[in-house]
Amino acid sequence: MDSGSKSEEIASYNNSSAKKSRLQSMLSALLDDPILSDVPKKPSLADVDTLLNLELGSAMKITIVKMDSTSFDVAVLNSATVKDLKLAIGKKINEIEQARMGHRHISWRHIWANYCLTHHNDKLIDDNSLLSEHGIQNNSKGRYEYDTGMPLCADGHAQLPRGML
């Protein structure tokens, strides 16, 4: 290889758009790997950080069971609060809806005003309480329940509006 073509190759690599394109193709190839199926298609630094913490044991995976008995997983730090869990759920649902139907607005204020999360029939009402205070740990299951303001029914017969959670 002559020095002229070598310097052209170096100049090409140093071009920021070439770097960005190369990184984008590498990221795309990595995200298509089945081992990384839990990584979002457009991961933020916080997403990657949480997944790394999950692997290191300082984060937990929680399965959220919807009222139609379908479920999805979210990951939060071991020190997470109910509010952190709600934010993770909102992000995951928005991601799912975006992939399925394109842009769609969900009023989370409405959702959390009418529905609540539960863990073993314990309502997670206080946004500032730690998940660990409710016995939630890695691989726990949380549920959406219709919030009647009364104790939960054993059958959980209320349904979310079609298309919602």
N, C-alpha and C. Protein backbone atom coordinates (compact mmCIF):
# COMPACT_ATOMS: atom_id res chain seq x y z
N MET A 1 0.87 -1.17 0.00
CA MET A 1 0.00 0.00 0.00
C MET A 1 0.90 1.22 0.00
N ASP A 2 0.66 2.15 -0.92
CA ASP A 2 1.51 3.33 -0.98
C ASP A 2 1.06 4.36 0.04
N SER A 3 1.94 5.31 0.35
CA SER A 3 1.66 6.29 1.40
C SER A 3 0.50 7.21 1.06
N GLY A 4 0.25 7.46 -0.24
CA GLY A 4 -0.86 8.32 -0.65
C GLY A 4 -2.21 7.71 -0.31
N SER A 5 -2.39 6.44 -0.63
CA SER A 5 -3.67 5.79 -0.34
C SER A 5 -3.85 5.59 1.17
N LYS A 6 -2.73 5.37 1.87
CA LYS A 6 -2.80 5.21 3.32
C LYS A 6 -3.25 6.51 3.98
N SER A 7 -2.73 7.64 3.54
CA SER A 7 -3.14 8.92 4.12
C SER A 7 -4.59 9.25 3.77
N GLU A 8 -5.05 8.83 2.58
CA GLU A 8 -6.46 9.03 2.22
C GLU A 8 -7.36 8.20 3.14
N GLU A 9 -6.92 6.98 3.42
CA GLU A 9 -7.70 6.11 4.29
C GLU A 9 -7.79 6.71 5.70
N ILE A 10 -6.69 7.24 6.19
CA ILE A 10 -6.68 7.86 7.51
C ILE A 10 -7.57 9.09 7.52
N ALA A 11 -7.48 9.91 6.49
CA ALA A 11 -8.32 11.11 6.40
C ALA A 11 -9.79 10.72 6.35
N SER A 12 -10.09 9.66 5.61
CA SER A 12 -11.47 9.19 5.51
C SER A 12 -11.98 8.72 6.88
N TYR A 13 -11.14 7.97 7.59
CA TYR A 13 -11.55 7.47 8.89
C TYR A 13 -11.74 8.60 9.90
N ASN A 14 -10.90 9.62 9.80
CA ASN A 14 -10.99 10.74 10.73
C ASN A 14 -12.19 11.63 10.45
N ASN A 15 -12.78 11.50 9.30
CA ASN A 15 -13.97 12.28 8.98
C ASN A 15 -15.08 11.88 9.95
N SER A 16 -15.65 12.84 10.62
CA SER A 16 -16.64 12.53 11.66
C SER A 16 -17.88 11.84 11.12
N SER A 17 -18.29 12.17 9.91
CA SER A 17 -19.48 11.49 9.36
C SER A 17 -19.17 10.03 9.06
N ALA A 18 -17.94 9.75 8.66
CA ALA A 18 -17.55 8.36 8.41
C ALA A 18 -17.52 7.59 9.73
N LYS A 19 -17.01 8.22 10.78
CA LYS A 19 -16.99 7.58 12.10
C LYS A 19 -18.41 7.29 12.57
N LYS A 20 -19.26 8.30 12.42
CA LYS A 20 -20.64 8.15 12.87
C LYS A 20 -21.34 7.02 12.12
N SER A 21 -21.13 6.97 10.82
CA SER A 21 -21.74 5.93 10.00
C SER A 21 -21.24 4.55 10.41
N ARG A 22 -19.94 4.46 10.63
CA ARG A 22 -19.36 3.18 11.03
C ARG A 22 -19.89 2.74 12.40
N LEU A 23 -19.95 3.67 13.35
CA LEU A 23 -20.48 3.35 14.68
C LEU A 23 -21.94 2.94 14.60
N GLN A 24 -22.70 3.64 13.75
CA GLN A 24 -24.13 3.32 13.60
C GLN A 24 -24.31 1.91 13.05
N SER A 25 -23.50 1.54 12.06
CA SER A 25 -23.63 0.19 11.50
C SER A 25 -23.19 -0.87 12.52
N MET A 26 -22.16 -0.57 13.32
CA MET A 26 -21.74 -1.51 14.36
C MET A 26 -22.82 -1.65 15.42
N LEU A 27 -23.42 -0.54 15.82
CA LEU A 27 -24.49 -0.57 16.82
C LEU A 27 -25.68 -1.37 16.29
N SER A 28 -26.02 -1.15 15.04
CA SER A 28 -27.13 -1.87 14.42
C SER A 28 -26.86 -3.38 14.42
N ALA A 29 -25.65 -3.76 14.06
CA ALA A 29 -25.29 -5.18 14.05
C ALA A 29 -25.35 -5.77 15.46
N LEU A 30 -24.88 -5.02 16.45
CA LEU A 30 -24.93 -5.49 17.83
C LEU A 30 -26.36 -5.67 18.32
N LEU A 31 -27.22 -4.70 17.99
CA LEU A 31 -28.60 -4.76 18.47
C LEU A 31 -29.40 -5.88 17.81
N ASP A 32 -28.95 -6.35 16.65
CA ASP A 32 -29.62 -7.47 15.99
C ASP A 32 -29.22 -8.82 16.59
N ASP A 33 -28.21 -8.83 17.43
CA ASP A 33 -27.75 -10.05 18.08
C ASP A 33 -28.80 -10.51 19.08
N PRO A 34 -29.24 -11.78 19.01
CA PRO A 34 -30.28 -12.27 19.93
C PRO A 34 -29.90 -12.17 21.41
N ILE A 35 -28.63 -12.19 21.71
CA ILE A 35 -28.19 -12.09 23.10
C ILE A 35 -28.55 -10.72 23.67
N LEU A 36 -28.60 -9.71 22.81
CA LEU A 36 -28.88 -8.34 23.25
C LEU A 36 -30.33 -7.95 22.97
N SER A 37 -31.23 -8.90 22.99
CA SER A 37 -32.64 -8.61 22.66
C SER A 37 -33.32 -7.69 23.67
N ASP A 38 -32.77 -7.59 24.88
CA ASP A 38 -33.39 -6.73 25.89
C ASP A 38 -32.92 -5.27 25.79
N VAL A 39 -32.01 -4.98 24.88
CA VAL A 39 -31.54 -3.61 24.69
C VAL A 39 -32.49 -2.90 23.74
N PRO A 40 -32.97 -1.71 24.10
CA PRO A 40 -33.86 -0.96 23.21
C PRO A 40 -33.18 -0.66 21.88
N LYS A 41 -33.97 -0.44 20.82
CA LYS A 41 -33.42 -0.17 19.50
C LYS A 41 -32.63 1.13 19.45
N LYS A 42 -33.05 2.12 20.22
CA LYS A 42 -32.31 3.38 20.31
C LYS A 42 -31.97 3.62 21.78
N PRO A 43 -30.98 2.90 22.29
CA PRO A 43 -30.70 2.98 23.73
C PRO A 43 -30.09 4.31 24.13
N SER A 44 -30.53 4.81 25.27
CA SER A 44 -29.91 6.00 25.85
C SER A 44 -28.79 5.52 26.77
N LEU A 45 -27.99 6.45 27.21
CA LEU A 45 -26.93 6.11 28.15
C LEU A 45 -27.51 5.51 29.43
N ALA A 46 -28.66 6.04 29.87
CA ALA A 46 -29.31 5.53 31.07
C ALA A 46 -29.77 4.08 30.87
N ASP A 47 -30.28 3.75 29.67
CA ASP A 47 -30.70 2.38 29.37
C ASP A 47 -29.51 1.43 29.48
N VAL A 48 -28.41 1.80 28.86
CA VAL A 48 -27.21 0.96 28.88
C VAL A 48 -26.69 0.82 30.31
N ASP A 49 -26.69 1.92 31.05
CA ASP A 49 -26.22 1.91 32.44
C ASP A 49 -27.08 0.97 33.30
N THR A 50 -28.40 1.03 33.12
CA THR A 50 -29.30 0.16 33.89
C THR A 50 -29.07 -1.30 33.54
N LEU A 51 -28.89 -1.60 32.25
CA LEU A 51 -28.66 -2.98 31.85
C LEU A 51 -27.32 -3.50 32.37
N LEU A 52 -26.31 -2.64 32.38
CA LEU A 52 -25.02 -3.04 32.97
C LEU A 52 -25.18 -3.31 34.46
N ASN A 53 -25.91 -2.44 35.15
CA ASN A 53 -26.16 -2.65 36.58
C ASN A 53 -26.96 -3.92 36.83
N LEU A 54 -27.85 -4.26 35.92
CA LEU A 54 -28.62 -5.51 36.04
C LEU A 54 -27.67 -6.71 35.98
N GLU A 55 -26.73 -6.66 35.06
CA GLU A 55 -25.75 -7.74 34.94
C GLU A 55 -24.83 -7.81 36.16
N LEU A 56 -24.54 -6.66 36.75
CA LEU A 56 -23.64 -6.61 37.91
C LEU A 56 -24.37 -6.88 39.23
N GLY A 57 -25.70 -6.96 39.19
CA GLY A 57 -26.47 -7.26 40.39
C GLY A 57 -26.93 -6.05 41.18
N SER A 58 -26.70 -4.85 40.67
CA SER A 58 -27.14 -3.66 41.40
C SER A 58 -28.41 -3.07 40.80
N ALA A 59 -29.07 -3.84 39.95
CA ALA A 59 -30.38 -3.46 39.41
C ALA A 59 -31.24 -4.72 39.38
N MET A 60 -32.54 -4.54 39.22
CA MET A 60 -33.44 -5.69 39.22
C MET A 60 -34.39 -5.63 38.03
N LYS A 61 -34.77 -6.82 37.58
CA LYS A 61 -35.75 -6.95 36.50
C LYS A 61 -37.09 -7.23 37.16
N ILE A 62 -38.10 -6.47 36.76
CA ILE A 62 -39.44 -6.65 37.30
C ILE A 62 -40.37 -6.95 36.14
N THR A 63 -41.17 -7.99 36.27
CA THR A 63 -42.16 -8.33 35.26
C THR A 63 -43.46 -7.64 35.63
N ILE A 64 -44.01 -6.88 34.70
CA ILE A 64 -45.27 -6.18 34.91
C ILE A 64 -46.36 -6.96 34.18
N VAL A 65 -47.35 -7.43 34.92
CA VAL A 65 -48.46 -8.19 34.36
C VAL A 65 -49.64 -7.24 34.17
N LYS A 66 -50.08 -7.11 32.92
CA LYS A 66 -51.20 -6.22 32.62
C LYS A 66 -52.51 -6.93 32.94
N MET A 67 -53.58 -6.18 32.92
CA MET A 67 -54.88 -6.75 33.30
C MET A 67 -55.38 -7.79 32.31
N ASP A 68 -54.85 -7.77 31.08
CA ASP A 68 -55.24 -8.79 30.10
C ASP A 68 -54.32 -10.01 30.19
N SER A 69 -53.52 -10.09 31.24
CA SER A 69 -52.59 -11.18 31.54
C SER A 69 -51.35 -11.22 30.65
N THR A 70 -51.17 -10.25 29.75
CA THR A 70 -49.91 -10.16 29.04
C THR A 70 -48.91 -9.46 29.95
N SER A 71 -47.63 -9.59 29.64
CA SER A 71 -46.63 -9.00 30.52
C SER A 71 -45.44 -8.46 29.73
N PHE A 72 -44.64 -7.67 30.40
CA PHE A 72 -43.40 -7.15 29.85
C PHE A 72 -42.44 -6.91 31.01
N ASP A 73 -41.16 -6.82 30.71
CA ASP A 73 -40.14 -6.64 31.74
C ASP A 73 -39.58 -5.22 31.70
N VAL A 74 -39.28 -4.69 32.88
CA VAL A 74 -38.56 -3.43 33.01
C VAL A 74 -37.40 -3.66 33.98
N ALA A 75 -36.37 -2.83 33.83
CA ALA A 75 -35.22 -2.92 34.73
C ALA A 75 -35.06 -1.59 35.45
N VAL A 76 -34.87 -1.66 36.76
CA VAL A 76 -34.64 -0.47 37.59
C VAL A 76 -33.53 -0.79 38.58
N LEU A 77 -32.91 0.24 39.11
CA LEU A 77 -31.86 0.05 40.11
C LEU A 77 -32.45 -0.53 41.39
N ASN A 78 -31.63 -1.21 42.17
CA ASN A 78 -32.10 -1.78 43.44
C ASN A 78 -32.59 -0.72 44.40
N SER A 79 -32.11 0.50 44.26
CA SER A 79 -32.52 1.61 45.14
C SER A 79 -33.69 2.40 44.57
N ALA A 80 -34.40 1.85 43.59
CA ALA A 80 -35.47 2.57 42.89
C ALA A 80 -36.69 2.77 43.78
N THR A 81 -37.41 3.85 43.47
CA THR A 81 -38.67 4.15 44.14
C THR A 81 -39.83 3.75 43.23
N VAL A 82 -41.03 3.85 43.76
CA VAL A 82 -42.23 3.57 42.96
C VAL A 82 -42.27 4.50 41.75
N LYS A 83 -41.89 5.75 41.95
CA LYS A 83 -41.87 6.71 40.84
C LYS A 83 -40.91 6.26 39.75
N ASP A 84 -39.73 5.76 40.12
CA ASP A 84 -38.76 5.26 39.14
C ASP A 84 -39.36 4.10 38.35
N LEU A 85 -40.08 3.23 39.03
CA LEU A 85 -40.73 2.10 38.36
C LEU A 85 -41.78 2.60 37.38
N LYS A 86 -42.58 3.58 37.80
CA LYS A 86 -43.61 4.13 36.91
C LYS A 86 -42.98 4.77 35.67
N LEU A 87 -41.86 5.47 35.85
CA LEU A 87 -41.17 6.08 34.72
C LEU A 87 -40.64 5.00 33.77
N ALA A 88 -40.10 3.92 34.32
CA ALA A 88 -39.59 2.82 33.50
C ALA A 88 -40.72 2.15 32.73
N ILE A 89 -41.87 1.99 33.38
CA ILE A 89 -43.04 1.40 32.72
C ILE A 89 -43.50 2.31 31.59
N GLY A 90 -43.59 3.61 31.87
CA GLY A 90 -44.01 4.56 30.84
C GLY A 90 -43.10 4.52 29.64
N LYS A 91 -41.81 4.48 29.89
CA LYS A 91 -40.84 4.44 28.79
C LYS A 91 -41.00 3.16 27.98
N LYS A 92 -41.16 2.04 28.66
CA LYS A 92 -41.30 0.75 27.97
C LYS A 92 -42.58 0.70 27.15
N ILE A 93 -43.70 1.13 27.72
CA ILE A 93 -44.97 1.12 27.00
C ILE A 93 -44.90 2.06 25.80
N ASN A 94 -44.33 3.25 25.98
CA ASN A 94 -44.20 4.18 24.86
C ASN A 94 -43.35 3.57 23.75
N GLU A 95 -42.30 2.86 24.12
CA GLU A 95 -41.43 2.18 23.16
C GLU A 95 -42.21 1.10 22.40
N ILE A 96 -43.00 0.32 23.12
CA ILE A 96 -43.80 -0.74 22.49
C ILE A 96 -44.83 -0.14 21.55
N GLU A 97 -45.54 0.88 22.01
CA GLU A 97 -46.57 1.53 21.19
C GLU A 97 -45.96 2.19 19.96
N GLN A 98 -44.80 2.80 20.12
CA GLN A 98 -44.12 3.46 19.00
C GLN A 98 -43.77 2.43 17.93
N ALA A 99 -43.27 1.28 18.35
CA ALA A 99 -42.90 0.24 17.40
C ALA A 99 -44.13 -0.36 16.72
N ARG A 100 -45.22 -0.46 17.45
CA ARG A 100 -46.42 -1.08 16.91
C ARG A 100 -47.25 -0.14 16.04
N MET A 101 -47.43 1.11 16.50
CA MET A 101 -48.39 1.99 15.81
C MET A 101 -47.83 3.36 15.46
N GLY A 102 -46.55 3.58 15.62
CA GLY A 102 -46.02 4.92 15.35
C GLY A 102 -46.28 5.83 16.53
N HIS A 103 -46.16 7.12 16.31
CA HIS A 103 -46.30 8.08 17.41
C HIS A 103 -47.71 8.02 18.00
N ARG A 104 -47.76 7.96 19.31
CA ARG A 104 -49.04 7.92 20.02
C ARG A 104 -48.83 8.52 21.40
N HIS A 105 -49.76 9.35 21.82
CA HIS A 105 -49.64 9.99 23.13
C HIS A 105 -50.48 9.23 24.15
N ILE A 106 -49.87 8.89 25.25
CA ILE A 106 -50.58 8.26 26.37
C ILE A 106 -50.52 9.22 27.54
N SER A 107 -51.66 9.48 28.14
CA SER A 107 -51.71 10.37 29.30
C SER A 107 -51.41 9.55 30.55
N TRP A 108 -50.16 9.60 30.98
CA TRP A 108 -49.76 8.84 32.16
C TRP A 108 -50.39 9.42 33.41
N ARG A 109 -50.67 10.69 33.41
CA ARG A 109 -51.36 11.29 34.56
C ARG A 109 -52.73 10.62 34.73
N HIS A 110 -53.44 10.42 33.62
CA HIS A 110 -54.75 9.75 33.67
C HIS A 110 -54.59 8.29 34.12
N ILE A 111 -53.61 7.61 33.55
CA ILE A 111 -53.40 6.20 33.89
C ILE A 111 -53.16 6.04 35.39
N TRP A 112 -52.21 6.81 35.93
CA TRP A 112 -51.86 6.64 37.34
C TRP A 112 -52.93 7.20 38.27
N ALA A 113 -53.82 8.06 37.77
CA ALA A 113 -54.93 8.55 38.60
C ALA A 113 -56.03 7.49 38.73
N ASN A 114 -56.13 6.59 37.75
CA ASN A 114 -57.21 5.61 37.74
C ASN A 114 -56.76 4.16 37.97
N TYR A 115 -55.50 3.90 37.80
CA TYR A 115 -54.97 2.55 37.95
C TYR A 115 -53.75 2.62 38.84
N CYS A 116 -53.47 1.53 39.52
CA CYS A 116 -52.28 1.53 40.37
C CYS A 116 -51.50 0.24 40.16
N LEU A 117 -50.28 0.26 40.60
CA LEU A 117 -49.44 -0.93 40.58
C LEU A 117 -49.61 -1.65 41.90
N THR A 118 -49.57 -2.96 41.84
CA THR A 118 -49.63 -3.75 43.07
C THR A 118 -48.54 -4.81 43.05
N HIS A 119 -48.18 -5.25 44.24
CA HIS A 119 -47.26 -6.37 44.40
C HIS A 119 -47.81 -7.19 45.56
N HIS A 120 -48.25 -8.40 45.28
CA HIS A 120 -48.89 -9.26 46.28
C HIS A 120 -50.02 -8.52 47.01
N ASN A 121 -50.91 -7.92 46.25
CA ASN A 121 -52.07 -7.16 46.74
C ASN A 121 -51.70 -5.95 47.59
N ASP A 122 -50.46 -5.54 47.57
CA ASP A 122 -50.02 -4.32 48.25
C ASP A 122 -49.98 -3.20 47.21
N LYS A 123 -50.83 -2.19 47.38
CA LYS A 123 -50.88 -1.08 46.42
C LYS A 123 -49.63 -0.22 46.56
N LEU A 124 -49.01 0.07 45.45
CA LEU A 124 -47.82 0.93 45.44
C LEU A 124 -48.27 2.36 45.19
N ILE A 125 -48.76 3.01 46.23
CA ILE A 125 -49.37 4.33 46.12
C ILE A 125 -48.36 5.45 46.31
N ASP A 126 -47.48 5.32 47.30
CA ASP A 126 -46.53 6.39 47.63
C ASP A 126 -45.36 6.36 46.64
N ASP A 127 -45.31 7.38 45.76
CA ASP A 127 -44.27 7.45 44.74
C ASP A 127 -42.86 7.50 45.32
N ASN A 128 -42.73 7.97 46.54
CA ASN A 128 -41.40 8.13 47.14
C ASN A 128 -40.93 6.90 47.92
N SER A 129 -41.79 5.90 48.05
CA SER A 129 -41.38 4.71 48.81
C SER A 129 -40.46 3.84 47.95
N LEU A 130 -39.51 3.21 48.61
CA LEU A 130 -38.58 2.32 47.92
C LEU A 130 -39.29 1.03 47.55
N LEU A 131 -38.95 0.48 46.40
CA LEU A 131 -39.55 -0.79 45.99
C LEU A 131 -39.21 -1.89 46.99
N SER A 132 -38.02 -1.83 47.56
CA SER A 132 -37.60 -2.85 48.53
C SER A 132 -38.48 -2.83 49.78
N GLU A 133 -39.08 -1.68 50.11
CA GLU A 133 -39.98 -1.60 51.26
C GLU A 133 -41.26 -2.41 51.03
N HIS A 134 -41.57 -2.68 49.77
CA HIS A 134 -42.76 -3.46 49.42
C HIS A 134 -42.40 -4.92 49.13
N GLY A 135 -41.16 -5.29 49.39
CA GLY A 135 -40.73 -6.66 49.15
C GLY A 135 -40.40 -6.95 47.70
N ILE A 136 -40.26 -5.93 46.90
CA ILE A 136 -39.95 -6.12 45.48
C ILE A 136 -38.45 -6.29 45.34
N GLN A 137 -38.07 -7.35 44.64
CA GLN A 137 -36.66 -7.64 44.39
C GLN A 137 -36.52 -8.16 42.97
N ASN A 138 -35.32 -8.58 42.60
CA ASN A 138 -35.08 -9.06 41.25
C ASN A 138 -36.04 -10.20 40.90
N ASN A 139 -36.59 -10.15 39.71
CA ASN A 139 -37.54 -11.13 39.17
C ASN A 139 -38.90 -11.13 39.87
N SER A 140 -39.24 -10.04 40.55
CA SER A 140 -40.58 -9.91 41.14
C SER A 140 -41.59 -9.61 40.04
N LYS A 141 -42.86 -9.79 40.38
CA LYS A 141 -43.94 -9.46 39.45
C LYS A 141 -44.80 -8.37 40.07
N GLY A 142 -45.07 -7.35 39.28
CA GLY A 142 -46.01 -6.31 39.67
C GLY A 142 -47.22 -6.39 38.76
N ARG A 143 -48.34 -5.83 39.18
CA ARG A 143 -49.57 -5.90 38.39
C ARG A 143 -50.20 -4.52 38.29
N TYR A 144 -50.91 -4.31 37.17
CA TYR A 144 -51.78 -3.14 37.04
C TYR A 144 -53.11 -3.53 37.63
N GLU A 145 -53.70 -2.68 38.41
CA GLU A 145 -55.03 -2.92 38.96
C GLU A 145 -55.85 -1.66 38.81
N TYR A 146 -57.14 -1.82 38.66
CA TYR A 146 -58.04 -0.67 38.64
C TYR A 146 -58.11 -0.15 40.06
N ASP A 147 -57.86 1.15 40.24
CA ASP A 147 -57.84 1.72 41.59
C ASP A 147 -59.22 2.25 41.95
N THR A 148 -59.95 1.48 42.73
CA THR A 148 -61.29 1.89 43.15
C THR A 148 -61.24 2.68 44.44
N GLY A 149 -60.07 2.75 45.05
CA GLY A 149 -59.95 3.40 46.35
C GLY A 149 -60.34 2.45 47.47
N MET A 150 -60.78 1.24 47.11
CA MET A 150 -61.18 0.23 48.08
C MET A 150 -60.17 -0.91 48.01
N PRO A 151 -60.22 -1.85 48.95
CA PRO A 151 -59.32 -3.00 48.85
C PRO A 151 -59.51 -3.72 47.52
N LEU A 152 -58.46 -4.34 47.05
CA LEU A 152 -58.50 -5.00 45.74
C LEU A 152 -59.38 -6.24 45.76
N CYS A 153 -60.08 -6.45 44.66
CA CYS A 153 -60.86 -7.67 44.48
C CYS A 153 -59.90 -8.81 44.16
N ALA A 154 -60.24 -9.99 44.57
CA ALA A 154 -59.38 -11.13 44.30
C ALA A 154 -59.34 -11.46 42.81
N ASP A 155 -60.46 -11.22 42.09
CA ASP A 155 -60.49 -11.60 40.67
C ASP A 155 -59.93 -10.52 39.76
N GLY A 156 -59.79 -9.26 40.22
CA GLY A 156 -59.25 -8.18 39.38
C GLY A 156 -60.00 -8.03 38.08
N HIS A 157 -61.34 -8.00 38.12
CA HIS A 157 -62.17 -8.05 36.92
C HIS A 157 -62.17 -6.79 36.07
N ALA A 158 -61.77 -5.64 36.61
CA ALA A 158 -61.80 -4.40 35.82
C ALA A 158 -60.77 -4.47 34.69
N GLN A 159 -61.10 -3.90 33.57
CA GLN A 159 -60.22 -3.92 32.40
C GLN A 159 -59.79 -2.51 32.03
N LEU A 160 -58.57 -2.38 31.56
CA LEU A 160 -58.12 -1.10 31.04
C LEU A 160 -58.83 -0.83 29.72
N PRO A 161 -59.02 0.44 29.35
CA PRO A 161 -59.61 0.73 28.05
C PRO A 161 -58.78 0.08 26.95
N ARG A 162 -59.45 -0.34 25.89
CA ARG A 162 -58.78 -1.03 24.78
C ARG A 162 -57.60 -0.19 24.28
N GLY A 163 -56.48 -0.84 24.08
CA GLY A 163 -55.30 -0.18 23.57
C GLY A 163 -54.43 0.43 24.64
N MET A 164 -54.96 0.58 25.83
CA MET A 164 -54.15 1.11 26.92
C MET A 164 -53.39 -0.05 27.54
N LEU A 165 -52.75 0.21 28.61
CA LEU A 165 -51.93 -0.77 29.29
C LEU A 165 -52.61 -2.10 29.35
